[in-house]
PDB file of N, CA and C in Angstrom:
ATOM      1  N   MET A   1      68.572 120.882 105.375  1.00  0.00           N
ATOM      2  CA  MET A   1      68.382 120.249 105.855  1.00  0.00           C
ATOM      3  C   MET A   1      67.956 119.358 106.226  1.00  0.00           C
ATOM      4  N   SER A   2      66.308 118.807 105.259  1.00  0.00           N
ATOM      5  CA  SER A   2      65.239 117.611 106.451  1.00  0.00           C
ATOM      6  C   SER A   2      66.294 116.965 106.878  1.00  0.00           C
ATOM      7  N   MET A   3      65.365 115.893 108.596  1.00  0.00           N
ATOM      8  CA  MET A   3      66.041 115.186 109.183  1.00  0.00           C
ATOM      9  C   MET A   3      66.508 113.538 107.727  1.00  0.00           C
ATOM     10  N   GLY A   4      64.751 113.772 107.150  1.00  0.00           N
ATOM     11  CA  GLY A   4      65.381 112.756 105.804  1.00  0.00           C
ATOM     12  C   GLY A   4      66.085 113.093 105.018  1.00  0.00           C
ATOM     13  N   GLU A   5      66.272 113.964 104.703  1.00  0.00           N
ATOM     14  CA  GLU A   5      67.962 113.526 103.677  1.00  0.00           C
ATOM     15  C   GLU A   5      69.463 113.596 104.474  1.00  0.00           C
ATOM     16  N   ALA A   6      69.202 113.363 105.997  1.00  0.00           N
ATOM     17  CA  ALA A   6      70.656 114.028 107.266  1.00  0.00           C
ATOM     18  C   ALA A   6      70.219 111.977 107.022  1.00  0.00           C
ATOM     19  N   VAL A   7      69.179 112.164 107.166  1.00  0.00           N
ATOM     20  CA  VAL A   7      69.483 109.831 107.020  1.00  0.00           C
ATOM     21  C   VAL A   7      69.357 109.457 105.876  1.00  0.00           C
ATOM     22  N   ASP A   8      69.089 109.667 104.509  1.00  0.00           N
ATOM     23  CA  ASP A   8      69.715 109.118 103.514  1.00  0.00           C
ATOM     24  C   ASP A   8      70.750 109.503 103.104  1.00  0.00           C
ATOM     25  N   LEU A   9      71.970 110.695 103.443  1.00  0.00           N
ATOM     26  CA  LEU A   9      72.915 110.847 103.674  1.00  0.00           C
ATOM     27  C   LEU A   9      73.769 110.016 104.127  1.00  0.00           C
ATOM     28  N   LEU A  10      73.733 109.229 105.390  1.00  0.00           N
ATOM     29  CA  LEU A  10      73.765 109.026 106.570  1.00  0.00           C
ATOM     30  C   LEU A  10      74.090 107.257 106.198  1.00  0.00           C
ATOM     31  N   ARG A  11      72.908 106.810 105.591  1.00  0.00           N
ATOM     32  CA  ARG A  11      71.916 105.586 105.401  1.00  0.00           C
ATOM     33  C   ARG A  11      73.323 105.468 102.938  1.00  0.00           C
ATOM     34  N   SER A  12      73.774 106.137 102.981  1.00  0.00           N
ATOM     35  CA  SER A  12      74.201 105.695 101.752  1.00  0.00           C
ATOM     36  C   SER A  12      75.691 105.698 101.960  1.00  0.00           C
ATOM     37  N   GLY A  13      76.241 106.868 102.451  1.00  0.00           N
ATOM     38  CA  GLY A  13      77.615 106.274 103.236  1.00  0.00           C
ATOM     39  C   GLY A  13      77.478 104.832 104.118  1.00  0.00           C
ATOM     40  N   ILE A  14      77.181 104.610 104.215  1.00  0.00           N
ATOM     41  CA  ILE A  14      77.346 103.704 104.696  1.00  0.00           C
ATOM     42  C   ILE A  14      77.286 102.250 104.284  1.00  0.00           C
ATOM     43  N   LEU A  15      76.138 102.828 102.690  1.00  0.00           N
ATOM     44  CA  LEU A  15      75.841 101.012 101.947  1.00  0.00           C
ATOM     45  C   LEU A  15      77.169 101.270 101.494  1.00  0.00           C
ATOM     46  N   GLN A  16      77.959 102.444 101.583  1.00  0.00           N
ATOM     47  CA  GLN A  16      79.085 102.585 100.384  1.00  0.00           C
ATOM     48  C   GLN A  16      80.802 101.756 101.448  1.00  0.00           C
ATOM     49  N   VAL A  17      80.428 102.586 102.347  1.00  0.00           N
ATOM     50  CA  VAL A  17      81.955 101.649 103.210  1.00  0.00           C
ATOM     51  C   VAL A  17      81.647  99.877 103.225  1.00  0.00           C
ATOM     52  N   VAL A  18      79.569  99.468 102.809  1.00  0.00           N
ATOM     53  CA  VAL A  18      79.393  97.967 103.136  1.00  0.00           C
ATOM     54  C   VAL A  18      79.722  97.664 101.448  1.00  0.00           C
ATOM     55  N   ILE A  19      79.801  98.472 100.127  1.00  0.00           N
ATOM     56  CA  ILE A  19      79.869  97.469  99.402  1.00  0.00           C
ATOM     57  C   ILE A  19      82.162  97.728  99.576  1.00  0.00           C
ATOM     58  N   LEU A  20      82.313  98.499  99.258  1.00  0.00           N
ATOM     59  CA  LEU A  20      83.964  98.701  99.396  1.00  0.00           C
ATOM     60  C   LEU A  20      84.687  97.612 100.032  1.00  0.00           C
ATOM     61  N   ALA A  21      84.153  97.529 101.603  1.00  0.00           N
ATOM     62  CA  ALA A  21      84.715  96.151 102.630  1.00  0.00           C
ATOM     63  C   ALA A  21      84.579  94.950 102.405  1.00  0.00           C
ATOM     64  N   THR A  22      83.470  95.202 101.771  1.00  0.00           N
ATOM     65  CA  THR A  22      82.763  92.926 101.813  1.00  0.00           C
ATOM     66  C   THR A  22      84.260  92.580 100.789  1.00  0.00           C
ATOM     67  N   PRO A  23      84.060  92.709  99.666  1.00  0.00           N
ATOM     68  CA  PRO A  23      85.325  91.797  99.331  1.00  0.00           C
ATOM     69  C   PRO A  23      86.426  91.612  99.788  1.00  0.00           C
ATOM     70  N   ILE A  24      87.070  92.312 100.598  1.00  0.00           N
ATOM     71  CA  ILE A  24      88.337  92.596 100.734  1.00  0.00           C
ATOM     72  C   ILE A  24      87.962  91.752 101.768  1.00  0.00           C
ATOM     73  N   LEU A  25      87.511  92.435 103.007  1.00  0.00           N
ATOM     74  CA  LEU A  25      86.968  91.150 104.295  1.00  0.00           C
ATOM     75  C   LEU A  25      86.124  89.511 104.638  1.00  0.00           C
ATOM     76  N   LEU A  26      85.087  89.316 102.908  1.00  0.00           N
ATOM     77  CA  LEU A  26      85.196  87.879 102.179  1.00  0.00           C
ATOM     78  C   LEU A  26      86.663  87.412 102.260  1.00  0.00           C
ATOM     79  N   VAL A  27      87.515  87.991 101.526  1.00  0.00           N
ATOM     80  CA  VAL A  27      88.150  87.251 101.299  1.00  0.00           C
ATOM     81  C   VAL A  27      89.463  86.376 102.529  1.00  0.00           C
ATOM     82  N   ALA A  28      89.707  87.268 103.043  1.00  0.00           N
ATOM     83  CA  ALA A  28      90.533  88.066 104.536  1.00  0.00           C
ATOM     84  C   ALA A  28      90.062  86.376 105.455  1.00  0.00           C
ATOM     85  N   MET A  29      88.535  86.701 105.242  1.00  0.00           N
ATOM     86  CA  MET A  29      87.643  85.535 106.780  1.00  0.00           C
ATOM     87  C   MET A  29      88.110  84.357 105.246  1.00  0.00           C
ATOM     88  N   VAL A  30      87.854  83.983 104.432  1.00  0.00           N
ATOM     89  CA  VAL A  30      87.962  82.863 103.597  1.00  0.00           C
ATOM     90  C   VAL A  30      89.655  82.020 103.523  1.00  0.00           C
ATOM     91  N   VAL A  31      90.339  83.016 103.447  1.00  0.00           N
ATOM     92  CA  VAL A  31      91.728  82.199 103.498  1.00  0.00           C
ATOM     93  C   VAL A  31      91.780  82.350 105.383  1.00  0.00           C
ATOM     94  N   GLY A  32      91.137  82.876 106.013  1.00  0.00           N
ATOM     95  CA  GLY A  32      91.748  82.271 107.197  1.00  0.00           C
ATOM     96  C   GLY A  32      90.902  80.768 107.849  1.00  0.00           C
ATOM     97  N   LEU A  33      90.009  80.723 107.327  1.00  0.00           N
ATOM     98  CA  LEU A  33      89.147  79.419 107.183  1.00  0.00           C
ATOM     99  C   LEU A  33      89.818  78.521 107.133  1.00  0.00           C
ATOM    100  N   ILE A  34      90.489  78.381 106.172  1.00  0.00           N
ATOM    101  CA  ILE A  34      90.999  77.247 104.884  1.00  0.00           C
ATOM    102  C   ILE A  34      93.349  77.365 106.233  1.00  0.00           C
ATOM    103  N   VAL A  35      93.242  78.303 106.661  1.00  0.00           N
ATOM    104  CA  VAL A  35      94.258  78.573 107.011  1.00  0.00           C
ATOM    105  C   VAL A  35      94.265  77.362 108.029  1.00  0.00           C
ATOM    106  N   SER A  36      93.000  77.982 108.846  1.00  0.00           N
ATOM    107  CA  SER A  36      92.815  77.409 110.342  1.00  0.00           C
ATOM    108  C   SER A  36      91.868  76.179 110.271  1.00  0.00           C
ATOM    109  N   ILE A  37      91.554  75.543 109.122  1.00  0.00           N
ATOM    110  CA  ILE A  37      91.795  73.935 108.962  1.00  0.00           C
ATOM    111  C   ILE A  37      92.446  73.291 108.961  1.00  0.00           C
ATOM    112  N   LEU A  38      94.028  74.286 107.511  1.00  0.00           N
ATOM    113  CA  LEU A  38      94.723  73.328 107.741  1.00  0.00           C
ATOM    114  C   LEU A  38      95.983  73.394 109.046  1.00  0.00           C
ATOM    115  N   GLN A  39      95.600  74.495 110.171  1.00  0.00           N
ATOM    116  CA  GLN A  39      95.952  73.978 111.135  1.00  0.00           C
ATOM    117  C   GLN A  39      95.695  73.116 111.952  1.00  0.00           C
ATOM    118  N   ALA A  40      94.520  73.191 112.412  1.00  0.00           N
ATOM    119  CA  ALA A  40      93.720  71.613 112.744  1.00  0.00           C
ATOM    120  C   ALA A  40      94.225  70.872 112.186  1.00  0.00           C
ATOM    121  N   THR A  41      94.328  70.199 111.321  1.00  0.00           N
ATOM    122  CA  THR A  41      94.561  68.664 110.913  1.00  0.00           C
ATOM    123  C   THR A  41      95.954  68.452 110.519  1.00  0.00           C
ATOM    124  N   THR A  42      96.790  69.685 110.790  1.00  0.00           N
ATOM    125  CA  THR A  42      98.584  69.530 111.158  1.00  0.00           C
ATOM    126  C   THR A  42      98.691  69.449 112.051  1.00  0.00           C
ATOM    127  N   SER A  43      98.422  69.950 112.711  1.00  0.00           N
ATOM    128  CA  SER A  43      97.935  70.191 113.875  1.00  0.00           C
ATOM    129  C   SER A  43      99.503  71.226 114.946  1.00  0.00           C
ATOM    130  N   ILE A  44      99.565  71.831 112.962  1.00  0.00           N
ATOM    131  CA  ILE A  44     100.943  72.718 113.611  1.00  0.00           C
ATOM    132  C   ILE A  44     100.037  73.889 113.843  1.00  0.00           C
ATOM    133  N   GLN A  45     100.356  74.772 114.727  1.00  0.00           N
ATOM    134  CA  GLN A  45      99.942  75.998 116.365  1.00  0.00           C
ATOM    135  C   GLN A  45     100.482  76.830 116.521  1.00  0.00           C
ATOM    136  N   GLU A  46     101.069  77.260 115.037  1.00  0.00           N
ATOM    137  CA  GLU A  46     102.180  79.014 115.546  1.00  0.00           C
ATOM    138  C   GLU A  46     100.389  80.178 115.374  1.00  0.00           C
ATOM    139  N   GLN A  47     101.010  81.024 115.688  1.00  0.00           N
ATOM    140  CA  GLN A  47      99.847  82.489 115.857  1.00  0.00           C
ATOM    141  C   GLN A  47     100.320  82.614 114.883  1.00  0.00           C
ATOM    142  N   THR A  48     101.496  82.975 113.413  1.00  0.00           N
ATOM    143  CA  THR A  48     102.111  83.908 112.940  1.00  0.00           C
ATOM    144  C   THR A  48     101.168  83.699 111.667  1.00  0.00           C
ATOM    145  N   LEU A  49     101.361  81.565 111.367  1.00  0.00           N
ATOM    146  CA  LEU A  49     100.702  81.201 109.284  1.00  0.00           C
ATOM    147  C   LEU A  49      99.859  81.895 109.833  1.00  0.00           C
ATOM    148  N   THR A  50      99.105  82.798 110.629  1.00  0.00           N
ATOM    149  CA  THR A  50      97.484  83.250 109.813  1.00  0.00           C
ATOM    150  C   THR A  50      98.076  84.076 109.148  1.00  0.00           C
ATOM    151  N   PHE A  51      98.812  85.036 109.957  1.00  0.00           N
ATOM    152  CA  PHE A  51      98.548  86.628 109.540  1.00  0.00           C
ATOM    153  C   PHE A  51      99.313  86.483 107.268  1.00  0.00           C
ATOM    154  N   VAL A  52     100.436  85.755 107.105  1.00  0.00           N
ATOM    155  CA  VAL A  52     100.802  86.237 106.121  1.00  0.00           C
ATOM    156  C   VAL A  52     100.452  85.460 105.000  1.00  0.00           C
ATOM    157  N   PRO A  53      99.279  84.853 104.673  1.00  0.00           N
ATOM    158  CA  PRO A  53      98.173  83.908 103.796  1.00  0.00           C
ATOM    159  C   PRO A  53      97.754  85.609 104.127  1.00  0.00           C
ATOM    160  N   LYS A  54      96.637  85.892 105.163  1.00  0.00           N
ATOM    161  CA  LYS A  54      95.610  86.960 104.874  1.00  0.00           C
ATOM    162  C   LYS A  54      96.503  88.025 104.278  1.00  0.00           C
ATOM    163  N   ILE A  55      97.381  88.162 104.781  1.00  0.00           N
ATOM    164  CA  ILE A  55      97.777  89.844 104.144  1.00  0.00           C
ATOM    165  C   ILE A  55      98.056  90.069 102.405  1.00  0.00           C
ATOM    166  N   ALA A  56      98.704  88.306 102.246  1.00  0.00           N
ATOM    167  CA  ALA A  56      98.679  88.175 101.257  1.00  0.00           C
ATOM    168  C   ALA A  56      97.229  88.582  99.724  1.00  0.00           C
ATOM    169  N   ALA A  57      96.703  88.210 100.706  1.00  0.00           N
ATOM    170  CA  ALA A  57      95.195  88.124  99.223  1.00  0.00           C
ATOM    171  C   ALA A  57      94.607  89.037 100.073  1.00  0.00           C
ATOM    172  N   ILE A  58      94.543  89.549 101.036  1.00  0.00           N
ATOM    173  CA  ILE A  58      94.109  91.383 101.081  1.00  0.00           C
ATOM    174  C   ILE A  58      95.010  92.696  99.864  1.00  0.00           C
ATOM    175  N   LEU A  59      96.538  92.055 100.088  1.00  0.00           N
ATOM    176  CA  LEU A  59      97.151  93.103  98.883  1.00  0.00           C
ATOM    177  C   LEU A  59      96.792  92.591  97.723  1.00  0.00           C
ATOM    178  N   LEU A  60      96.374  91.553  97.663  1.00  0.00           N
ATOM    179  CA  LEU A  60      96.416  91.151  96.003  1.00  0.00           C
ATOM    180  C   LEU A  60      94.314  90.875  95.839  1.00  0.00           C
ATOM    181  N   MET A  61      93.544  91.756  96.597  1.00  0.00           N
ATOM    182  CA  MET A  61      92.256  91.779  96.339  1.00  0.00           C
ATOM    183  C   MET A  61      92.632  93.178  96.169  1.00  0.00           C
ATOM    184  N   LEU A  62      93.028  93.900  97.347  1.00  0.00           N
ATOM    185  CA  LEU A  62      93.462  95.655  96.703  1.00  0.00           C
ATOM    186  C   LEU A  62      93.978  95.797  95.426  1.00  0.00           C
ATOM    187  N   ALA A  63      95.157  95.429  94.799  1.00  0.00           N
ATOM    188  CA  ALA A  63      95.599  95.817  93.648  1.00  0.00           C
ATOM    189  C   ALA A  63      94.297  94.702  92.675  1.00  0.00           C
ATOM    190  N   LEU A  64      93.689  93.630  92.575  1.00  0.00           N
ATOM    191  CA  LEU A  64      93.480  93.802  91.777  1.00  0.00           C
ATOM    192  C   LEU A  64      92.031  94.816  91.752  1.00  0.00           C
ATOM    193  N   LEU A  65      91.337  94.751  93.036  1.00  0.00           N
ATOM    194  CA  LEU A  65      90.179  95.261  92.993  1.00  0.00           C
ATOM    195  C   LEU A  65      90.167  96.733  92.819  1.00  0.00           C
ATOM    196  N   GLY A  66      91.093  97.879  93.823  1.00  0.00           N
ATOM    197  CA  GLY A  66      91.631  98.906  94.028  1.00  0.00           C
ATOM    198  C   GLY A  66      91.585  99.925  93.333  1.00  0.00           C
ATOM    199  N   GLY A  67      91.706 100.068  91.661  1.00  0.00           N
ATOM    200  CA  GLY A  67      90.711 100.657  90.487  1.00  0.00           C
ATOM    201  C   GLY A  67      89.171 101.067  90.593  1.00  0.00           C
ATOM    202  N   TRP A  68      88.977 100.338  90.629  1.00  0.00           N
ATOM    203  CA  TRP A  68      87.005  99.701  91.643  1.00  0.00           C
ATOM    204  C   TRP A  68      86.339 100.877  91.907  1.00  0.00           C
ATOM    205  N   MET A  69      87.761 100.460  93.579  1.00  0.00           N
ATOM    206  CA  MET A  69      86.939 100.696  94.630  1.00  0.00           C
ATOM    207  C   MET A  69      87.327 102.056  94.663  1.00  0.00           C
ATOM    208  N   PHE A  70      88.131 102.717  94.020  1.00  0.00           N
ATOM    209  CA  PHE A  70      88.236 104.214  93.615  1.00  0.00           C
ATOM    210  C   PHE A  70      88.006 104.742  93.006  1.00  0.00           C
ATOM    211  N   ALA A  71      87.451 104.111  92.056  1.00  0.00           N
ATOM    212  CA  ALA A  71      86.499 105.173  90.901  1.00  0.00           C
ATOM    213  C   ALA A  71      84.974 105.383  92.124  1.00  0.00           C
ATOM    214  N   SER A  72      84.666 104.407  92.727  1.00  0.00           N
ATOM    215  CA  SER A  72      83.251 104.833  93.487  1.00  0.00           C
ATOM    216  C   SER A  72      83.764 105.596  94.358  1.00  0.00           C
ATOM    217  N   LEU A  73      84.353 105.495  95.305  1.00  0.00           N
ATOM    218  CA  LEU A  73      84.498 106.214  95.835  1.00  0.00           C
ATOM    219  C   LEU A  73      85.098 107.766  95.437  1.00  0.00           C
ATOM    220  N   GLY A  74      85.048 107.155  93.973  1.00  0.00           N
ATOM    221  CA  GLY A  74      85.019 108.844  93.410  1.00  0.00           C
ATOM    222  C   GLY A  74      83.695 109.568  92.834  1.00  0.00           C
ATOM    223  N   GLN A  75      82.955 108.764  92.758  1.00  0.00           N
ATOM    224  CA  GLN A  75      82.300 109.143  91.788  1.00  0.00           C
ATOM    225  C   GLN A  75      81.070 109.362  93.223  1.00  0.00           C
ATOM    226  N   TYR A  76      80.725 108.866  93.788  1.00  0.00           N
ATOM    227  CA  TYR A  76      80.565 108.801  95.975  1.00  0.00           C
ATOM    228  C   TYR A  76      80.314 110.327  95.818  1.00  0.00           C
ATOM    229  N   THR A  77      81.443 110.743  96.041  1.00  0.00           N
ATOM    230  CA  THR A  77      82.354 112.328  96.520  1.00  0.00           C
ATOM    231  C   THR A  77      81.948 112.923  95.847  1.00  0.00           C
ATOM    232  N   ARG A  78      81.772 112.240  94.716  1.00  0.00           N
ATOM    233  CA  ARG A  78      80.994 114.103  93.294  1.00  0.00           C
ATOM    234  C   ARG A  78      79.765 114.363  93.056  1.00  0.00           C
ATOM    235  N   ASP A  79      79.177 112.915  93.529  1.00  0.00           N
ATOM    236  CA  ASP A  79      77.834 113.221  93.896  1.00  0.00           C
ATOM    237  C   ASP A  79      77.569 113.670  94.972  1.00  0.00           C
ATOM    238  N   LEU A  80      78.561 114.017  96.323  1.00  0.00           N
ATOM    239  CA  LEU A  80      78.014 114.088  97.741  1.00  0.00           C
ATOM    240  C   LEU A  80      78.400 115.728  97.227  1.00  0.00           C
ATOM    241  N   PHE A  81      79.990 116.487  95.733  1.00  0.00           N
ATOM    242  CA  PHE A  81      79.927 117.421  96.005  1.00  0.00           C
ATOM    243  C   PHE A  81      78.761 118.754  95.397  1.00  0.00           C
ATOM    244  N   GLU A  82      78.357 117.695  94.490  1.00  0.00           N
ATOM    245  CA  GLU A  82      77.433 118.212  92.908  1.00  0.00           C
ATOM    246  C   GLU A  82      76.095 118.216  94.381  1.00  0.00           C
ATOM    247  N   MET A  83      74.992 117.563  95.630  1.00  0.00           N
ATOM    248  CA  MET A  83      74.196 118.324  96.142  1.00  0.00           C
ATOM    249  C   MET A  83      74.663 119.043  97.343  1.00  0.00           C
ATOM    250  N   ILE A  84      75.240 119.389  97.470  1.00  0.00           N
ATOM    251  CA  ILE A  84      75.885 120.096  99.188  1.00  0.00           C
ATOM    252  C   ILE A  84      74.886 122.185  98.287  1.00  0.00           C
ATOM    253  N   PRO A  85      75.043 122.140  97.113  1.00  0.00           N
ATOM    254  CA  PRO A  85      74.015 123.737  97.099  1.00  0.00           C
ATOM    255  C   PRO A  85      72.919 123.576  97.241  1.00  0.00           C
ATOM    256  N   SER A  86      71.971 122.470  97.230  1.00  0.00           N
ATOM    257  CA  SER A  86      71.028 121.624  97.285  1.00  0.00           C
ATOM    258  C   SER A  86      70.495 121.644  98.667  1.00  0.00           C
ATOM    259  N   LEU A  87      71.708 121.165  99.169  1.00  0.00           N
ATOM    260  CA  LEU A  87      71.195 121.317 101.228  1.00  0.00           C
ATOM    261  C   LEU A  87      71.638 122.672 101.723  1.00  0.00           C
ATOM    262  N   ALA A  88      72.327 123.387 100.753  1.00  0.00           N
ATOM    263  CA  ALA A  88      72.093 124.986 101.869  1.00  0.00           C
ATOM    264  C   ALA A  88      70.903 125.406 101.907  1.00  0.00           C
ATOM    265  N   ARG A  89      70.333 125.161 100.910  1.00  0.00           N
ATOM    266  CA  ARG A  89      68.511 125.983 101.326  1.00  0.00           C
ATOM    267  C   ARG A  89      68.360 125.542 102.316  1.00  0.00           C
TER     268      ARG A  89
END
């Protein structure tokens, strides 16, 4: 395996992680921002109030996008296994 092939494998792995994590992280960030704005306007400074909506939103996103995420990760894994014979040369 050449250095270029190793870099391509690493780059595609990092891109796969970014693609799979982005929707969940964006939803958690938006929900956290909304809860923070509500806390600031109502002067409720309860620290545990932010966790429940974030967890609920993350679980909802996992339920909605879980099939796509597993299918995408499965296809990436199959592609990696198909590349093994060509990398052994």
